[in-house]
Amino acid sequence: MSLVRFRFLLPLLVLTAAAFPARADEMLLATNDLSSRRISASESKAGPDVDFLREIARRSDADLKVAQMPLGRGLASMQSGAVDVMAGLSYRDEQARYIVYTDTPYSRCSTAFYTLNGQSKEIRDYRDLSGRQIGYVLHSTYFDRFDKDGNLNKVGVPEEQTLIDMLLKRRISVMIGTDCQVDYHLRHLGLTSTIEKAPYGPGNAVVLFLGVSKKSAWAQRIGALNRIIRDLVDEGYVERIGREFYRTPS
């Protein structure tokens, strides 16, 4: 091709590239965030985890897709590589076989027990859990004493929404969960005057990370994701969305 002809075609090539920009990389998020059932990732209020991942995707020039599924199926999808990322994960050696955890946690919470309003005062000590049906999410770990206690009457279900429904229907008397996540759901479901937190809590720290499937192409970009999460924490972004999502809706 002659230089003159190339100079003639160059503006056309630039215009074509502008008209058809390169497609952003896709990032598929598996979440059991209750709000994601009703709100898509493109809407303004999609739940704290989705909002957090949406900002990570934006800074990564990625197209975020959201797949709502129970925790167990989400972990299985991470293991197979069917999804790319999950948020709200505590570090577990077993899961680290197929998940790369980011090096900076983005949230710190604690384990809590919840009952119907007026009943929480009955649970002031770990021993008060004895004889009660306690709902928990399958494949979750809470704190060592509870996880290993085979004498408690535990009822495992796939997701937190089922626990809340069972508690409201009195099919269980207590549910266990991570306080920052459960408190958010109760506020946004309008249940803060119906379900309350028990005085007893183990006082443990639940540190939450973003996890990336080792079979995902995003695992090769873990360094970039680490930098983005550190920036979001340092900028106060995570704290801001926490204030937005955890305040009681009007």
Foldseek 3Di string as FASTA:
>chain_A
DDPVVCVVCVVVVVVVCVVPPDQFAEAEEEEQQVQCVPDFLPDDPRDLVSVVVVVLCVVRSYHYGYDYDFPVVRLVCLQVVVHWKYWFDFDDPVSVVFKDWQPDFLDKFAKFKKFWPPPQAQPQDPVSQAPFEEEEEPPDDHDDVVVPDPRGNYDYDRHDVVVVVCRVVVVGGMYMDTVLSVLLVCLVVVNPNTMDTHNDGPPDMGTMTMITGPPDPCVVVSVVSNVVSVVCVVVCVSVVVSVVRNDRDD
